Amino acid sequence: MSHADALFRYAVKLTGNSMEAEDVVQNTFEKIWIRKDQITIDTVKALCYRITHNNVMDNFRRKKLEREAPIMGDISSTSDVLAFESRDIINQGFLQLSEVQKSLILLRDYEGYSYEDIAEILEMSLGKVKVYLFRARKQMQKEIKELEIDIKL
């Protein structure tokens, strides 16, 4: 069941909505089940992520969703407030990235996939993965700095 949990986390980060993420993951497993005779154990993980990614992108194109940062629960101490503000800034910076940039950062930094696995999942060359990931991280740094400046003003 760890594949389902990882796919769910990935889908939640991309969609910003746990209910939509559940639908995406369910749709992914439905597509995997339909193709079960054509899939090998070596390719199932990458295929699951590729299908999940494509499902999310299809939903974005179809619905043109506007997403919000996740809402935090009870905030009781100063350190909780600072942690919330930091997470909020990071989430806002993340939401400013393109869908490909989000996927790259999630797969590499959040899920820990190798560059080769990411290339297979997103159907990109290894060189593109490295370059796009570098640019995505730089873009996120820029977005976070701008958000921090806006907050201080």
Protein backbone atom coordinates (compact mmCIF):
# COMPACT_ATOMS: atom_id res chain seq x y z
CA MET A 1 0.00 0.00 0.00
CA SER A 2 3.01 2.32 0.12
CA HIS A 3 2.63 3.05 -3.62
CA ALA A 4 -0.90 4.30 -3.00
CA ASP A 5 0.22 6.52 -0.11
CA ALA A 6 3.10 7.98 -2.13
CA LEU A 7 0.86 8.57 -5.15
CA PHE A 8 -1.72 10.21 -2.92
CA ARG A 9 0.87 12.57 -1.38
CA TYR A 10 2.12 13.41 -4.87
CA ALA A 11 -1.40 14.09 -6.14
CA VAL A 12 -2.30 16.19 -3.08
CA LYS A 13 0.79 18.35 -3.58
CA LEU A 14 -0.05 18.85 -7.25
CA THR A 15 -3.76 19.49 -6.79
CA GLY A 16 -3.85 21.13 -3.36
CA ASN A 17 -7.06 19.19 -2.72
CA SER A 18 -7.24 15.81 -0.98
CA MET A 19 -10.63 14.88 -2.46
CA GLU A 20 -9.42 15.56 -5.98
CA ALA A 21 -6.20 13.69 -5.20
CA GLU A 22 -8.23 10.65 -4.12
CA ASP A 23 -10.07 10.73 -7.44
CA VAL A 24 -6.81 11.05 -9.36
CA VAL A 25 -5.21 8.11 -7.55
CA GLN A 26 -8.34 5.99 -7.96
CA ASN A 27 -8.35 6.80 -11.67
CA THR A 28 -4.65 5.88 -11.83
CA PHE A 29 -5.22 2.47 -10.28
CA GLU A 30 -8.20 1.90 -12.55
CA LYS A 31 -6.00 2.54 -15.59
CA ILE A 32 -3.27 0.30 -14.16
CA TRP A 33 -5.84 -2.47 -13.55
CA ILE A 34 -7.10 -2.24 -17.12
CA ARG A 35 -3.51 -2.62 -18.43
CA LYS A 36 -2.39 -5.15 -15.81
CA ASP A 37 -1.50 -7.77 -18.42
CA GLN A 38 0.81 -5.36 -20.25
CA ILE A 39 2.69 -4.07 -17.19
CA THR A 40 5.82 -5.57 -15.66
CA ILE A 41 6.82 -5.23 -12.02
CA ASP A 42 9.85 -3.18 -13.11
CA THR A 43 7.76 -0.50 -14.76
CA VAL A 44 4.70 -0.28 -12.53
CA LYS A 45 6.01 2.41 -10.17
CA ALA A 46 7.10 4.82 -12.90
CA LEU A 47 3.91 4.14 -14.82
CA CYS A 48 1.79 4.91 -11.75
CA TYR A 49 3.50 8.28 -11.33
CA ARG A 50 3.26 9.06 -15.04
CA ILE A 51 -0.46 8.27 -15.10
CA THR A 52 -1.04 10.27 -11.90
CA HIS A 53 0.85 13.23 -13.36
CA ASN A 54 -1.09 13.03 -16.62
CA ASN A 55 -4.42 12.75 -14.76
CA VAL A 56 -3.65 15.89 -12.75
CA MET A 57 -2.58 17.78 -15.87
CA ASP A 58 -5.76 16.69 -17.66
CA ASN A 59 -7.84 17.92 -14.71
CA PHE A 60 -6.04 21.27 -14.73
CA ARG A 61 -6.61 21.71 -18.42
CA ARG A 62 -10.24 20.65 -18.17
CA LYS A 63 -11.23 22.62 -15.07
CA LYS A 64 -8.61 25.41 -14.99
CA LEU A 65 -8.57 25.16 -11.19
CA GLU A 66 -7.46 27.94 -8.93
CA ARG A 67 -5.74 26.50 -5.89
CA GLU A 68 -5.22 27.76 -2.37
CA ALA A 69 -2.52 26.93 0.15
CA PRO A 70 -3.59 24.28 2.67
CA ILE A 71 -5.24 25.67 5.81
CA MET A 72 -3.45 24.95 9.08
CA GLY A 73 -5.32 23.96 12.22
CA ASP A 74 -4.98 25.51 15.68
CA ILE A 75 -1.91 27.72 16.07
CA SER A 76 -1.04 28.16 19.71
CA SER A 77 2.55 29.34 20.16
CA THR A 78 4.95 31.80 18.57
CA SER A 79 7.02 28.97 17.11
CA ASP A 80 3.82 27.50 15.62
CA VAL A 81 3.04 30.88 14.05
CA LEU A 82 6.55 31.14 12.57
CA ALA A 83 6.39 27.57 11.30
CA PHE A 84 2.98 28.27 9.75
CA GLU A 85 4.23 31.47 8.11
CA SER A 86 7.29 29.66 6.72
CA ARG A 87 5.17 26.82 5.35
CA ASP A 88 2.69 29.30 3.94
CA ILE A 89 5.45 31.22 2.14
CA ILE A 90 6.90 27.99 0.76
CA ASN A 91 3.45 26.80 -0.36
CA GLN A 92 2.73 30.14 -2.03
CA GLY A 93 6.11 30.06 -3.76
CA PHE A 94 5.46 26.48 -4.86
CA LEU A 95 2.06 27.39 -6.29
CA GLN A 96 3.72 30.01 -8.52
CA LEU A 97 5.70 27.33 -10.38
CA SER A 98 4.58 25.71 -13.62
CA GLU A 99 3.08 22.24 -13.43
CA VAL A 100 6.25 20.63 -14.77
CA GLN A 101 8.38 22.50 -12.22
CA LYS A 102 6.05 21.38 -9.41
CA SER A 103 6.26 17.78 -10.53
CA LEU A 104 10.05 17.87 -10.73
CA ILE A 105 10.45 19.33 -7.25
CA LEU A 106 7.92 16.94 -5.76
CA LEU A 107 9.43 13.86 -7.35
CA ARG A 108 13.05 14.73 -6.54
CA ASP A 109 12.94 16.65 -3.27
CA TYR A 110 9.73 15.36 -1.69
CA GLU A 111 9.53 11.76 -2.89
CA GLY A 112 13.31 11.23 -3.36
CA TYR A 113 13.31 9.80 -6.88
CA SER A 114 16.52 9.60 -8.90
CA TYR A 115 16.97 11.78 -11.97
CA GLU A 116 16.64 8.66 -14.14
CA ASP A 117 13.32 7.70 -12.53
CA ILE A 118 12.00 11.23 -12.96
CA ALA A 119 13.02 11.21 -16.62
CA GLU A 120 11.06 8.00 -17.11
CA ILE A 121 8.02 9.19 -15.13
CA LEU A 122 7.76 12.54 -16.91
CA GLU A 123 8.96 11.19 -20.26
CA MET A 124 11.86 13.67 -20.50
CA SER A 125 15.52 13.27 -21.27
CA LEU A 126 17.89 13.08 -18.32
CA GLY A 127 19.48 16.38 -19.34
CA LYS A 128 16.11 18.15 -19.43
CA VAL A 129 15.24 16.82 -15.98
CA LYS A 130 18.45 18.23 -14.51
CA VAL A 131 18.16 21.59 -16.26
CA TYR A 132 14.44 22.02 -15.55
CA LEU A 133 14.89 21.01 -11.91
CA PHE A 134 17.71 23.53 -11.49
CA ARG A 135 15.53 26.24 -13.04
CA ALA A 136 12.55 25.22 -10.90
CA ARG A 137 14.58 25.51 -7.70
CA LYS A 138 15.91 28.91 -8.77
CA GLN A 139 12.40 30.08 -9.64
CA MET A 140 11.09 28.90 -6.28
CA GLN A 141 13.92 30.74 -4.48
CA LYS A 142 13.02 33.88 -6.39
CA GLU A 143 9.31 33.53 -5.59
CA ILE A 144 9.99 32.94 -1.89
CA LYS A 145 12.30 35.96 -1.67
CA GLU A 146 9.67 38.14 -3.33
CA LEU A 147 6.99 36.87 -0.96
CA GLU A 148 9.23 37.52 2.06
CA ILE A 149 9.88 41.07 0.86
CA ASP A 150 6.15 41.65 0.35
CA ILE A 151 5.42 40.41 3.89
CA LYS A 152 8.05 42.70 5.43
CA LEU A 153 6.59 45.71 3.63
